[in-house]
Amino acid sequence: MGKNNFKLKAKRGVLTYESGSNVTLTGASAKVPFSITQPGEYEVEGLSVFGYPGEGVVTYVFQLDEVRVMTIEGKVEDKLIDELDVIDVVIINVDIVATKELVAMLGKIEPSYVLPYGEAERVAGFVKEFEHGSKEQDKLVLAKATISEDLTEVIVLK
């Protein structure tokens, strides 16, 4: 949707995520979107959002059509990482935390896909430090059956 905004489409609706911890859920039959700005558990027509409090930010985990997506806006505590089940995709702001710390966090989370965003220079530095290479794409389309759990791929959205 833009530099720091993401739209995630699922069978049952649409979720939008704006950097800074604003989440909006719109179910397929809903006429009014549901906004989330606080930690907690939320569900709208089968779209699930789990918000975990952190140091001034909320870390979100979205459950959409069996695909689990996590947002990282700051340091995520090891305790939370240990509690979470499999995370398929991480949307990560590379402007806020030092690159080495981000790489260490991702090593613990072990997602299949990483979508870094932020200033272009920081994204390039993150990709270089992460050492997994990257692809530039306009969008990322996923289904649980097509996700490889053996490989972490970095996707830089245009």
Protein backbone atom coordinates (compact mmCIF):
# COMPACT_ATOMS: atom_id res chain seq x y z
CA MET A 1 0.00 0.00 0.00
CA GLY A 2 2.93 2.30 0.58
CA LYS A 3 6.35 2.53 2.13
CA ASN A 4 5.25 1.56 5.66
CA ASN A 5 1.75 0.22 5.06
CA PHE A 6 0.73 -3.32 4.17
CA LYS A 7 -2.51 -4.87 2.94
CA LEU A 8 -3.02 -8.56 3.60
CA LYS A 9 -5.89 -10.23 1.76
CA ALA A 10 -7.48 -13.42 3.00
CA LYS A 11 -10.49 -15.45 1.92
CA ARG A 12 -12.61 -13.95 4.69
CA GLY A 13 -11.54 -10.32 4.45
CA VAL A 14 -8.73 -7.80 4.43
CA LEU A 15 -6.26 -6.70 7.09
CA THR A 16 -4.25 -3.50 6.77
CA TYR A 17 -1.19 -2.79 8.87
CA GLU A 18 0.29 0.68 9.21
CA SER A 19 3.74 1.06 10.75
CA GLY A 20 3.28 2.41 14.23
CA SER A 21 0.93 -0.35 15.29
CA ASN A 22 -2.39 0.48 13.61
CA VAL A 23 -4.28 -2.57 12.37
CA THR A 24 -7.62 -2.52 10.59
CA LEU A 25 -9.72 -5.63 9.97
CA THR A 26 -12.50 -5.69 7.42
CA GLY A 27 -14.42 -8.95 7.19
CA ALA A 28 -15.87 -10.03 3.86
CA SER A 29 -19.41 -9.18 5.00
CA ALA A 30 -18.50 -6.19 7.20
CA LYS A 31 -19.40 -2.70 6.09
CA VAL A 32 -17.38 -0.95 8.81
CA PRO A 33 -13.69 -1.76 9.46
CA PHE A 34 -12.57 -2.69 12.97
CA SER A 35 -9.51 -0.77 14.21
CA ILE A 36 -6.93 -2.14 16.63
CA THR A 37 -4.38 0.00 18.47
CA GLN A 38 -3.98 -1.89 21.76
CA PRO A 39 -2.51 -5.25 22.79
CA GLY A 40 -5.02 -8.09 23.06
CA GLU A 41 -6.74 -10.84 21.09
CA TYR A 42 -9.14 -9.93 18.30
CA GLU A 43 -11.12 -11.82 15.68
CA VAL A 44 -13.33 -10.59 12.87
CA GLU A 45 -14.93 -13.21 10.60
CA GLY A 46 -12.07 -15.67 11.06
CA LEU A 47 -9.25 -13.10 10.76
CA SER A 48 -7.31 -13.30 14.02
CA VAL A 49 -4.97 -10.71 15.52
CA PHE A 50 -2.87 -11.16 18.64
CA GLY A 51 -1.22 -8.00 20.01
CA TYR A 52 1.65 -8.32 22.48
CA PRO A 53 2.87 -5.29 24.46
CA GLY A 54 6.51 -4.29 24.06
CA GLU A 55 8.78 -1.34 24.74
CA GLY A 56 6.48 1.44 23.51
CA VAL A 57 5.12 -0.63 20.61
CA VAL A 58 2.81 -3.56 20.02
CA THR A 59 4.06 -6.69 18.27
CA TYR A 60 1.25 -8.25 16.27
CA VAL A 61 0.73 -11.79 15.02
CA PHE A 62 -1.93 -12.22 12.33
CA GLN A 63 -3.54 -15.57 11.52
CA LEU A 64 -4.87 -15.38 7.94
CA ASP A 65 -5.93 -18.52 6.04
CA GLU A 66 -3.45 -20.68 8.00
CA VAL A 67 -0.58 -18.27 7.32
CA ARG A 68 0.93 -16.59 10.40
CA VAL A 69 2.39 -13.11 9.96
CA MET A 70 4.33 -11.22 12.64
CA THR A 71 5.14 -7.50 12.74
CA ILE A 72 8.30 -6.22 14.38
CA GLU A 73 8.61 -2.53 15.22
CA GLY A 74 11.23 -2.87 17.95
CA LYS A 75 13.02 -5.40 20.11
CA VAL A 76 11.01 -8.56 20.71
CA GLU A 77 11.77 -10.34 23.97
CA ASP A 78 13.07 -13.92 23.81
CA LYS A 79 10.24 -15.01 26.13
CA LEU A 80 7.64 -13.96 23.53
CA ILE A 81 9.56 -15.58 20.68
CA ASP A 82 9.67 -18.84 22.68
CA GLU A 83 5.90 -18.69 23.32
CA LEU A 84 4.94 -18.20 19.67
CA ASP A 85 4.28 -21.10 17.39
CA VAL A 86 5.51 -21.16 13.80
CA ILE A 87 5.71 -17.75 12.13
CA ASP A 88 5.59 -17.89 8.33
CA VAL A 89 6.19 -14.23 7.50
CA VAL A 90 7.83 -11.38 9.42
CA ILE A 91 7.20 -7.76 8.43
CA ILE A 92 10.09 -5.88 10.01
CA ASN A 93 10.95 -2.20 10.40
CA VAL A 94 14.73 -2.01 9.90
CA ASP A 95 14.96 1.65 10.97
CA ILE A 96 14.31 1.14 14.68
CA VAL A 97 16.63 -1.64 15.93
CA ALA A 98 20.29 -2.26 15.10
CA THR A 99 20.74 -4.65 12.16
CA LYS A 100 22.71 -7.23 14.16
CA GLU A 101 19.90 -7.41 16.75
CA LEU A 102 17.29 -7.84 14.00
CA VAL A 103 19.28 -10.67 12.42
CA ALA A 104 19.61 -12.37 15.83
CA MET A 105 15.83 -12.05 16.47
CA LEU A 106 15.01 -13.49 13.05
CA GLY A 107 17.42 -16.37 13.70
CA LYS A 108 15.30 -17.29 16.74
CA ILE A 109 11.95 -16.83 14.96
CA GLU A 110 13.01 -18.71 11.79
CA PRO A 111 10.31 -17.39 9.43
CA SER A 112 9.99 -18.55 5.83
CA TYR A 113 9.73 -14.98 4.54
CA VAL A 114 11.05 -11.65 5.79
CA LEU A 115 9.64 -8.38 4.44
CA PRO A 116 11.95 -5.56 5.56
CA TYR A 117 10.87 -1.95 5.23
CA GLY A 118 12.22 1.46 6.13
CA GLU A 119 14.84 3.77 4.67
CA ALA A 120 16.35 2.30 1.48
CA GLU A 121 19.91 2.40 2.84
CA ARG A 122 18.88 0.56 6.02
CA VAL A 123 16.96 -2.07 4.03
CA ALA A 124 20.05 -2.65 1.82
CA GLY A 125 22.26 -2.92 4.92
CA PHE A 126 19.85 -5.38 6.51
CA VAL A 127 19.76 -7.56 3.37
CA LYS A 128 23.57 -7.61 3.25
CA GLU A 129 23.90 -8.47 6.96
CA PHE A 130 21.17 -11.13 6.86
CA GLU A 131 23.12 -12.97 4.13
CA HIS A 132 20.12 -14.72 2.61
CA GLY A 133 19.92 -12.61 -0.54
CA SER A 134 16.69 -10.95 -1.55
CA LYS A 135 14.13 -10.54 -4.30
CA GLU A 136 12.28 -7.38 -5.25
CA GLN A 137 8.60 -7.92 -5.92
CA ASP A 138 5.47 -5.80 -6.29
CA LYS A 139 3.53 -8.11 -3.98
CA LEU A 140 3.82 -11.46 -2.22
CA VAL A 141 1.13 -14.10 -2.69
CA LEU A 142 1.24 -17.05 -0.29
CA ALA A 143 -0.70 -20.16 0.61
CA LYS A 144 0.29 -22.42 3.51
CA ALA A 145 0.92 -25.32 1.10
CA THR A 146 3.50 -23.31 -0.87
CA ILE A 147 5.57 -22.10 2.09
CA SER A 148 8.97 -23.73 2.49
CA GLU A 149 9.91 -24.19 6.12
CA ASP A 150 13.52 -25.06 5.24
CA LEU A 151 14.47 -21.69 3.79
CA THR A 152 14.20 -18.05 4.82
CA GLU A 153 13.65 -15.73 1.88
CA VAL A 154 13.88 -11.94 2.02
CA ILE A 155 11.33 -10.11 -0.14
CA VAL A 156 11.76 -6.36 -0.66
CA LEU A 157 8.44 -4.94 -1.76
CA LYS A 158 8.60 -2.16 -4.37
